[in-house]
PDB file of N, CA and C in Angstrom:
ATOM      1  N   MET A   1      -6.263 -15.689 -23.319  1.00  0.00           N
ATOM      2  CA  MET A   1      -5.768 -15.895 -21.930  1.00  0.00           C
ATOM      3  C   MET A   1      -6.098 -14.267 -21.177  1.00  0.00           C
ATOM      4  N   LEU A   2      -7.218 -14.332 -20.026  1.00  0.00           N
ATOM      5  CA  LEU A   2      -7.630 -13.468 -19.649  1.00  0.00           C
ATOM      6  C   LEU A   2      -6.847 -13.117 -17.978  1.00  0.00           C
ATOM      7  N   VAL A   3      -5.956 -12.148 -17.812  1.00  0.00           N
ATOM      8  CA  VAL A   3      -5.049 -11.869 -16.552  1.00  0.00           C
ATOM      9  C   VAL A   3      -5.983 -11.083 -15.764  1.00  0.00           C
ATOM     10  N   VAL A   4      -6.399 -11.246 -14.350  1.00  0.00           N
ATOM     11  CA  VAL A   4      -6.996 -10.408 -13.773  1.00  0.00           C
ATOM     12  C   VAL A   4      -5.910  -9.988 -12.360  1.00  0.00           C
ATOM     13  N   LEU A   5      -5.537  -8.968 -12.411  1.00  0.00           N
ATOM     14  CA  LEU A   5      -4.976  -8.359 -11.452  1.00  0.00           C
ATOM     15  C   LEU A   5      -6.101  -7.912 -10.189  1.00  0.00           C
ATOM     16  N   ILE A   6      -5.563  -8.195  -8.940  1.00  0.00           N
ATOM     17  CA  ILE A   6      -6.314  -7.735  -7.793  1.00  0.00           C
ATOM     18  C   ILE A   6      -5.340  -7.093  -6.801  1.00  0.00           C
ATOM     19  N   PHE A   7      -5.732  -6.092  -6.223  1.00  0.00           N
ATOM     20  CA  PHE A   7      -5.256  -5.104  -5.442  1.00  0.00           C
ATOM     21  C   PHE A   7      -5.719  -4.974  -4.052  1.00  0.00           C
ATOM     22  N   CYS A   8      -5.183  -5.592  -2.864  1.00  0.00           N
ATOM     23  CA  CYS A   8      -6.045  -5.655  -1.622  1.00  0.00           C
ATOM     24  C   CYS A   8      -5.697  -4.419  -1.116  1.00  0.00           C
ATOM     25  N   HIS A   9      -6.776  -3.805  -0.399  1.00  0.00           N
ATOM     26  CA  HIS A   9      -6.575  -2.631   0.555  1.00  0.00           C
ATOM     27  C   HIS A   9      -6.425  -2.940   2.024  1.00  0.00           C
ATOM     28  N   GLU A  10      -7.117  -3.941   2.314  1.00  0.00           N
ATOM     29  CA  GLU A  10      -7.346  -4.843   3.582  1.00  0.00           C
ATOM     30  C   GLU A  10      -7.106  -6.271   3.781  1.00  0.00           C
ATOM     31  N   SER A  11      -6.469  -6.236   4.535  1.00  0.00           N
ATOM     32  CA  SER A  11      -6.642  -8.205   4.642  1.00  0.00           C
ATOM     33  C   SER A  11      -6.554  -8.725   6.044  1.00  0.00           C
ATOM     34  N   ILE A  12      -7.531  -9.445   5.835  1.00  0.00           N
ATOM     35  CA  ILE A  12      -7.534 -10.572   7.316  1.00  0.00           C
ATOM     36  C   ILE A  12      -7.750 -11.678   7.112  1.00  0.00           C
ATOM     37  N   ILE A  13      -6.833 -12.340   7.509  1.00  0.00           N
ATOM     38  CA  ILE A  13      -6.494 -13.802   7.339  1.00  0.00           C
ATOM     39  C   ILE A  13      -7.597 -14.585   8.212  1.00  0.00           C
ATOM     40  N   ILE A  14      -8.793 -14.968   8.172  1.00  0.00           N
ATOM     41  CA  ILE A  14      -9.479 -15.962   9.074  1.00  0.00           C
ATOM     42  C   ILE A  14      -9.347 -17.346   9.015  1.00  0.00           C
ATOM     43  N   ILE A  15      -9.035 -17.963   8.227  1.00  0.00           N
ATOM     44  CA  ILE A  15      -8.650 -19.358   8.056  1.00  0.00           C
ATOM     45  C   ILE A  15      -7.557 -19.294   8.971  1.00  0.00           C
ATOM     46  N   TRP A  16      -6.527 -18.798   9.099  1.00  0.00           N
ATOM     47  CA  TRP A  16      -5.209 -19.132   9.454  1.00  0.00           C
ATOM     48  C   TRP A  16      -5.112 -18.526  10.828  1.00  0.00           C
ATOM     49  N   GLN A  17      -6.275 -17.771  11.123  1.00  0.00           N
ATOM     50  CA  GLN A  17      -6.255 -16.480  12.240  1.00  0.00           C
ATOM     51  C   GLN A  17      -5.040 -15.839  12.230  1.00  0.00           C
ATOM     52  N   ILE A  18      -4.455 -15.324  11.206  1.00  0.00           N
ATOM     53  CA  ILE A  18      -3.534 -14.404  11.145  1.00  0.00           C
ATOM     54  C   ILE A  18      -4.171 -13.133  10.958  1.00  0.00           C
ATOM     55  N   THR A  19      -3.642 -11.970  12.319  1.00  0.00           N
ATOM     56  CA  THR A  19      -3.852 -10.614  12.058  1.00  0.00           C
ATOM     57  C   THR A  19      -2.691  -9.882  12.216  1.00  0.00           C
ATOM     58  N   PHE A  20      -2.821  -8.651  11.657  1.00  0.00           N
ATOM     59  CA  PHE A  20      -1.213  -7.990  11.535  1.00  0.00           C
ATOM     60  C   PHE A  20      -1.786  -6.494  12.503  1.00  0.00           C
ATOM     61  N   LYS A  21      -0.790  -5.654  13.253  1.00  0.00           N
ATOM     62  CA  LYS A  21      -0.547  -4.586  13.789  1.00  0.00           C
ATOM     63  C   LYS A  21      -0.317  -3.597  13.204  1.00  0.00           C
ATOM     64  N   SER A  22       0.125  -3.970  12.068  1.00  0.00           N
ATOM     65  CA  SER A  22       0.472  -2.738  11.178  1.00  0.00           C
ATOM     66  C   SER A  22       1.106  -2.852   9.880  1.00  0.00           C
ATOM     67  N   GLU A  23       0.852  -2.008   9.198  1.00  0.00           N
ATOM     68  CA  GLU A  23       0.884  -2.215   7.163  1.00  0.00           C
ATOM     69  C   GLU A  23       1.949  -2.938   7.141  1.00  0.00           C
ATOM     70  N   THR A  24       3.326  -2.823   7.458  1.00  0.00           N
ATOM     71  CA  THR A  24       4.236  -3.163   7.069  1.00  0.00           C
ATOM     72  C   THR A  24       4.522  -4.834   6.904  1.00  0.00           C
ATOM     73  N   PRO A  25       3.957  -5.673   8.142  1.00  0.00           N
ATOM     74  CA  PRO A  25       4.260  -7.038   7.946  1.00  0.00           C
ATOM     75  C   PRO A  25       3.034  -7.585   7.155  1.00  0.00           C
ATOM     76  N   LYS A  26       1.674  -6.746   7.135  1.00  0.00           N
ATOM     77  CA  LYS A  26       0.977  -7.056   5.987  1.00  0.00           C
ATOM     78  C   LYS A  26       0.888  -7.165   4.721  1.00  0.00           C
ATOM     79  N   LEU A  27       1.796  -6.249   4.837  1.00  0.00           N
ATOM     80  CA  LEU A  27       2.489  -6.133   2.899  1.00  0.00           C
ATOM     81  C   LEU A  27       3.354  -7.164   2.577  1.00  0.00           C
ATOM     82  N   LYS A  28       4.004  -7.542   3.589  1.00  0.00           N
ATOM     83  CA  LYS A  28       5.155  -8.267   3.435  1.00  0.00           C
ATOM     84  C   LYS A  28       4.289  -9.801   3.282  1.00  0.00           C
ATOM     85  N   TRP A  29       3.534 -10.162   4.123  1.00  0.00           N
ATOM     86  CA  TRP A  29       2.768 -11.658   4.220  1.00  0.00           C
ATOM     87  C   TRP A  29       2.000 -11.188   2.469  1.00  0.00           C
ATOM     88  N   LEU A  30       1.352 -10.517   2.299  1.00  0.00           N
ATOM     89  CA  LEU A  30       0.642 -10.812   0.930  1.00  0.00           C
ATOM     90  C   LEU A  30       1.719 -10.422  -0.356  1.00  0.00           C
ATOM     91  N   LYS A  31       2.770 -10.091  -0.160  1.00  0.00           N
ATOM     92  CA  LYS A  31       3.878 -10.349  -1.151  1.00  0.00           C
ATOM     93  C   LYS A  31       4.211 -11.589  -1.264  1.00  0.00           C
ATOM     94  N   ASP A  32       4.825 -12.123  -0.165  1.00  0.00           N
ATOM     95  CA  ASP A  32       5.319 -12.969   0.054  1.00  0.00           C
ATOM     96  C   ASP A  32       4.237 -14.644  -0.242  1.00  0.00           C
ATOM     97  N   ALA A  33       2.669 -14.272  -0.338  1.00  0.00           N
ATOM     98  CA  ALA A  33       1.782 -15.181  -0.682  1.00  0.00           C
ATOM     99  C   ALA A  33       1.990 -15.108  -1.929  1.00  0.00           C
ATOM    100  N   GLY A  34       2.200 -14.458  -2.923  1.00  0.00           N
ATOM    101  CA  GLY A  34       2.321 -14.056  -4.259  1.00  0.00           C
ATOM    102  C   GLY A  34       1.138 -12.676  -4.875  1.00  0.00           C
ATOM    103  N   PHE A  35       0.831 -12.055  -3.647  1.00  0.00           N
ATOM    104  CA  PHE A  35      -0.311 -11.229  -4.325  1.00  0.00           C
ATOM    105  C   PHE A  35       0.868  -9.959  -4.820  1.00  0.00           C
ATOM    106  N   PRO A  36       0.359  -9.346  -5.708  1.00  0.00           N
ATOM    107  CA  PRO A  36       1.302  -8.169  -6.334  1.00  0.00           C
ATOM    108  C   PRO A  36       0.768  -7.120  -5.444  1.00  0.00           C
ATOM    109  N   VAL A  37       1.871  -6.261  -4.834  1.00  0.00           N
ATOM    110  CA  VAL A  37       1.475  -5.368  -3.765  1.00  0.00           C
ATOM    111  C   VAL A  37       2.264  -3.984  -4.738  1.00  0.00           C
ATOM    112  N   VAL A  38       1.625  -2.493  -4.264  1.00  0.00           N
ATOM    113  CA  VAL A  38       2.552  -1.626  -4.661  1.00  0.00           C
ATOM    114  C   VAL A  38       3.696  -1.402  -3.577  1.00  0.00           C
ATOM    115  N   SER A  39       4.661  -0.374  -4.341  1.00  0.00           N
ATOM    116  CA  SER A  39       5.887   0.260  -3.617  1.00  0.00           C
ATOM    117  C   SER A  39       5.311   0.548  -2.647  1.00  0.00           C
ATOM    118  N   THR A  40       6.157   0.837  -1.225  1.00  0.00           N
ATOM    119  CA  THR A  40       5.342   1.810   0.061  1.00  0.00           C
ATOM    120  C   THR A  40       6.782   2.570   0.143  1.00  0.00           C
ATOM    121  N   LYS A  41       6.471   3.284   0.936  1.00  0.00           N
ATOM    122  CA  LYS A  41       7.375   4.477   1.659  1.00  0.00           C
ATOM    123  C   LYS A  41       6.919   5.069   3.012  1.00  0.00           C
ATOM    124  N   VAL A  42       8.081   4.820   3.658  1.00  0.00           N
ATOM    125  CA  VAL A  42       7.377   5.237   5.217  1.00  0.00           C
ATOM    126  C   VAL A  42       8.270   6.761   5.513  1.00  0.00           C
ATOM    127  N   PHE A  43       7.311   7.422   6.057  1.00  0.00           N
ATOM    128  CA  PHE A  43       7.517   8.891   6.632  1.00  0.00           C
ATOM    129  C   PHE A  43       7.712   8.984   8.022  1.00  0.00           C
ATOM    130  N   ASN A  44       8.218  10.055   8.539  1.00  0.00           N
ATOM    131  CA  ASN A  44       8.468  10.282   9.811  1.00  0.00           C
ATOM    132  C   ASN A  44       7.606  11.370  10.576  1.00  0.00           C
ATOM    133  N   SER A  45       7.114  12.293   9.252  1.00  0.00           N
ATOM    134  CA  SER A  45       6.237  13.193   9.636  1.00  0.00           C
ATOM    135  C   SER A  45       5.204  12.991   8.608  1.00  0.00           C
ATOM    136  N   ALA A  46       4.184  13.753   8.891  1.00  0.00           N
ATOM    137  CA  ALA A  46       3.378  14.756   7.794  1.00  0.00           C
ATOM    138  C   ALA A  46       4.082  15.420   6.582  1.00  0.00           C
ATOM    139  N   LYS A  47       4.625  16.098   7.095  1.00  0.00           N
ATOM    140  CA  LYS A  47       5.409  16.919   6.186  1.00  0.00           C
ATOM    141  C   LYS A  47       6.425  16.322   5.222  1.00  0.00           C
ATOM    142  N   GLU A  48       7.200  15.093   5.439  1.00  0.00           N
ATOM    143  CA  GLU A  48       7.389  14.390   4.539  1.00  0.00           C
ATOM    144  C   GLU A  48       6.573  13.699   3.619  1.00  0.00           C
ATOM    145  N   GLY A  49       5.572  13.328   3.782  1.00  0.00           N
ATOM    146  CA  GLY A  49       4.381  12.672   3.177  1.00  0.00           C
ATOM    147  C   GLY A  49       4.000  13.612   2.128  1.00  0.00           C
ATOM    148  N   ILE A  50       3.582  14.629   2.404  1.00  0.00           N
ATOM    149  CA  ILE A  50       3.374  15.835   1.723  1.00  0.00           C
ATOM    150  C   ILE A  50       4.358  16.213   0.291  1.00  0.00           C
ATOM    151  N   ALA A  51       5.434  16.375   0.798  1.00  0.00           N
ATOM    152  CA  ALA A  51       6.394  16.802   0.103  1.00  0.00           C
ATOM    153  C   ALA A  51       6.628  15.537  -1.114  1.00  0.00           C
ATOM    154  N   TYR A  52       6.646  14.473  -0.544  1.00  0.00           N
ATOM    155  CA  TYR A  52       6.639  13.113  -1.795  1.00  0.00           C
ATOM    156  C   TYR A  52       5.572  13.446  -2.426  1.00  0.00           C
ATOM    157  N   ARG A  53       4.542  13.524  -2.069  1.00  0.00           N
ATOM    158  CA  ARG A  53       3.299  13.580  -2.767  1.00  0.00           C
ATOM    159  C   ARG A  53       3.581  14.651  -3.912  1.00  0.00           C
ATOM    160  N   GLU A  54       4.323  15.614  -3.599  1.00  0.00           N
ATOM    161  CA  GLU A  54       4.178  17.086  -4.954  1.00  0.00           C
ATOM    162  C   GLU A  54       5.360  16.375  -5.836  1.00  0.00           C
ATOM    163  N   THR A  55       6.199  15.870  -4.966  1.00  0.00           N
ATOM    164  CA  THR A  55       7.509  14.951  -5.672  1.00  0.00           C
ATOM    165  C   THR A  55       6.965  14.007  -6.996  1.00  0.00           C
ATOM    166  N   VAL A  56       6.008  13.349  -6.452  1.00  0.00           N
ATOM    167  CA  VAL A  56       5.288  12.081  -7.611  1.00  0.00           C
ATOM    168  C   VAL A  56       4.268  12.894  -8.437  1.00  0.00           C
ATOM    169  N   MET A  57       3.801  13.511  -8.032  1.00  0.00           N
ATOM    170  CA  MET A  57       2.763  14.483  -8.792  1.00  0.00           C
ATOM    171  C   MET A  57       3.221  15.651 -10.049  1.00  0.00           C
ATOM    172  N   ASP A  58       4.354  16.296  -9.317  1.00  0.00           N
ATOM    173  CA  ASP A  58       4.869  16.997 -10.545  1.00  0.00           C
ATOM    174  C   ASP A  58       6.168  16.163 -11.423  1.00  0.00           C
ATOM    175  N   GLN A  59       6.757  15.210 -10.686  1.00  0.00           N
ATOM    176  CA  GLN A  59       7.744  14.985 -11.821  1.00  0.00           C
ATOM    177  C   GLN A  59       7.610  13.215 -12.070  1.00  0.00           C
ATOM    178  N   LEU A  60       7.055  12.471 -10.848  1.00  0.00           N
ATOM    179  CA  LEU A  60       7.430  11.185 -11.411  1.00  0.00           C
ATOM    180  C   LEU A  60       6.019  10.808 -12.091  1.00  0.00           C
ATOM    181  N   ARG A  61       4.850  11.122 -11.895  1.00  0.00           N
ATOM    182  CA  ARG A  61       3.448  10.832 -12.429  1.00  0.00           C
ATOM    183  C   ARG A  61       3.402  10.738 -14.110  1.00  0.00           C
ATOM    184  N   VAL A  62       4.376  11.668 -14.828  1.00  0.00           N
ATOM    185  CA  VAL A  62       4.437  11.671 -16.117  1.00  0.00           C
ATOM    186  C   VAL A  62       5.100  10.271 -16.528  1.00  0.00           C
ATOM    187  N   THR A  63       6.055   9.850 -15.902  1.00  0.00           N
ATOM    188  CA  THR A  63       6.973   8.762 -16.392  1.00  0.00           C
ATOM    189  C   THR A  63       6.017   7.268 -16.357  1.00  0.00           C
ATOM    190  N   LEU A  64       5.117   7.444 -15.394  1.00  0.00           N
ATOM    191  CA  LEU A  64       4.083   6.253 -15.237  1.00  0.00           C
ATOM    192  C   LEU A  64       3.520   5.742 -16.712  1.00  0.00           C
ATOM    193  N   GLU A  65       3.303   4.709 -16.869  1.00  0.00           N
ATOM    194  CA  GLU A  65       2.550   4.178 -18.116  1.00  0.00           C
ATOM    195  C   GLU A  65       1.099   4.064 -18.134  1.00  0.00           C
ATOM    196  N   TYR A  66       0.470   4.834 -16.669  1.00  0.00           N
ATOM    197  CA  TYR A  66      -1.077   4.836 -16.305  1.00  0.00           C
ATOM    198  C   TYR A  66      -0.958   6.069 -15.807  1.00  0.00           C
ATOM    199  N   ASP A  67      -2.570   6.480 -15.843  1.00  0.00           N
ATOM    200  CA  ASP A  67      -2.382   7.908 -14.816  1.00  0.00           C
ATOM    201  C   ASP A  67      -2.790   7.740 -13.825  1.00  0.00           C
ATOM    202  N   ILE A  68      -2.820   8.442 -12.635  1.00  0.00           N
ATOM    203  CA  ILE A  68      -2.884   8.492 -11.516  1.00  0.00           C
ATOM    204  C   ILE A  68      -3.198   9.994 -10.864  1.00  0.00           C
ATOM    205  N   ASP A  69      -4.386   9.893  -9.861  1.00  0.00           N
ATOM    206  CA  ASP A  69      -4.549  11.241  -9.548  1.00  0.00           C
ATOM    207  C   ASP A  69      -4.404  11.884  -8.378  1.00  0.00           C
ATOM    208  N   GLY A  70      -3.707  10.796  -7.371  1.00  0.00           N
ATOM    209  CA  GLY A  70      -3.171  10.978  -6.038  1.00  0.00           C
ATOM    210  C   GLY A  70      -2.308   9.940  -5.527  1.00  0.00           C
ATOM    211  N   LEU A  71      -2.217   9.917  -4.100  1.00  0.00           N
ATOM    212  CA  LEU A  71      -1.686   8.745  -3.367  1.00  0.00           C
ATOM    213  C   LEU A  71      -2.435   8.172  -2.424  1.00  0.00           C
ATOM    214  N   VAL A  72      -2.262   7.258  -1.996  1.00  0.00           N
ATOM    215  CA  VAL A  72      -3.010   6.421  -0.898  1.00  0.00           C
ATOM    216  C   VAL A  72      -2.116   6.777   0.307  1.00  0.00           C
ATOM    217  N   ILE A  73      -2.237   7.334   1.479  1.00  0.00           N
ATOM    218  CA  ILE A  73      -1.579   7.634   2.454  1.00  0.00           C
ATOM    219  C   ILE A  73      -1.989   7.107   3.763  1.00  0.00           C
ATOM    220  N   LYS A  74      -1.641   6.117   4.461  1.00  0.00           N
ATOM    221  CA  LYS A  74      -2.314   5.443   5.713  1.00  0.00           C
ATOM    222  C   LYS A  74      -1.247   5.270   6.547  1.00  0.00           C
ATOM    223  N   GLY A  75      -1.850   5.468   7.880  1.00  0.00           N
ATOM    224  CA  GLY A  75      -1.097   5.170   9.243  1.00  0.00           C
ATOM    225  C   GLY A  75      -0.910   3.995   8.926  1.00  0.00           C
ATOM    226  N   THR A  76       0.130   3.505   9.892  1.00  0.00           N
ATOM    227  CA  THR A  76       0.811   2.092   9.907  1.00  0.00           C
ATOM    228  C   THR A  76      -0.327   1.322  10.825  1.00  0.00           C
ATOM    229  N   GLU A  77      -0.504   1.743  12.133  1.00  0.00           N
ATOM    230  CA  GLU A  77      -0.970   0.875  12.968  1.00  0.00           C
ATOM    231  C   GLU A  77      -2.167   0.620  12.553  1.00  0.00           C
ATOM    232  N   ILE A  78      -2.849  -0.656  12.721  1.00  0.00           N
ATOM    233  CA  ILE A  78      -4.133  -1.409  12.156  1.00  0.00           C
ATOM    234  C   ILE A  78      -4.909  -1.508  13.468  1.00  0.00           C
ATOM    235  N   LEU A  79      -6.155  -0.706  13.877  1.00  0.00           N
ATOM    236  CA  LEU A  79      -6.848  -1.560  14.879  1.00  0.00           C
ATOM    237  C   LEU A  79      -7.452  -3.009  14.996  1.00  0.00           C
ATOM    238  N   SER A  80      -7.622  -2.993  15.666  1.00  0.00           N
ATOM    239  CA  SER A  80      -8.240  -4.971  15.832  1.00  0.00           C
ATOM    240  C   SER A  80      -9.857  -4.469  15.623  1.00  0.00           C
ATOM    241  N   ILE A  81     -10.348  -5.535  14.678  1.00  0.00           N
ATOM    242  CA  ILE A  81     -11.539  -5.274  14.655  1.00  0.00           C
ATOM    243  C   ILE A  81     -12.519  -6.556  15.222  1.00  0.00           C
ATOM    244  N   GLN A  82     -13.270  -6.064  16.031  1.00  0.00           N
ATOM    245  CA  GLN A  82     -13.911  -7.204  17.139  1.00  0.00           C
ATOM    246  C   GLN A  82     -15.557  -7.422  16.535  1.00  0.00           C
TER     247      GLN A  82
END
């Protein structure tokens, strides 16, 4: 049996006219709909994000079953597409 995993970076649900104003409800909707989503963390400053990246790359990276070369850091606000 072939198993295919899909990771969505962006989602716009046109059929049901669902739009998202921030990343948090978008990821919750994807998870509730049964899509696999990665773990997320919210930071209050860029410094916090940079410090977390250092922790991941220096300590947590070696514990993963796969290799990573960095993290995806996104702002929470989603601009509307016209």
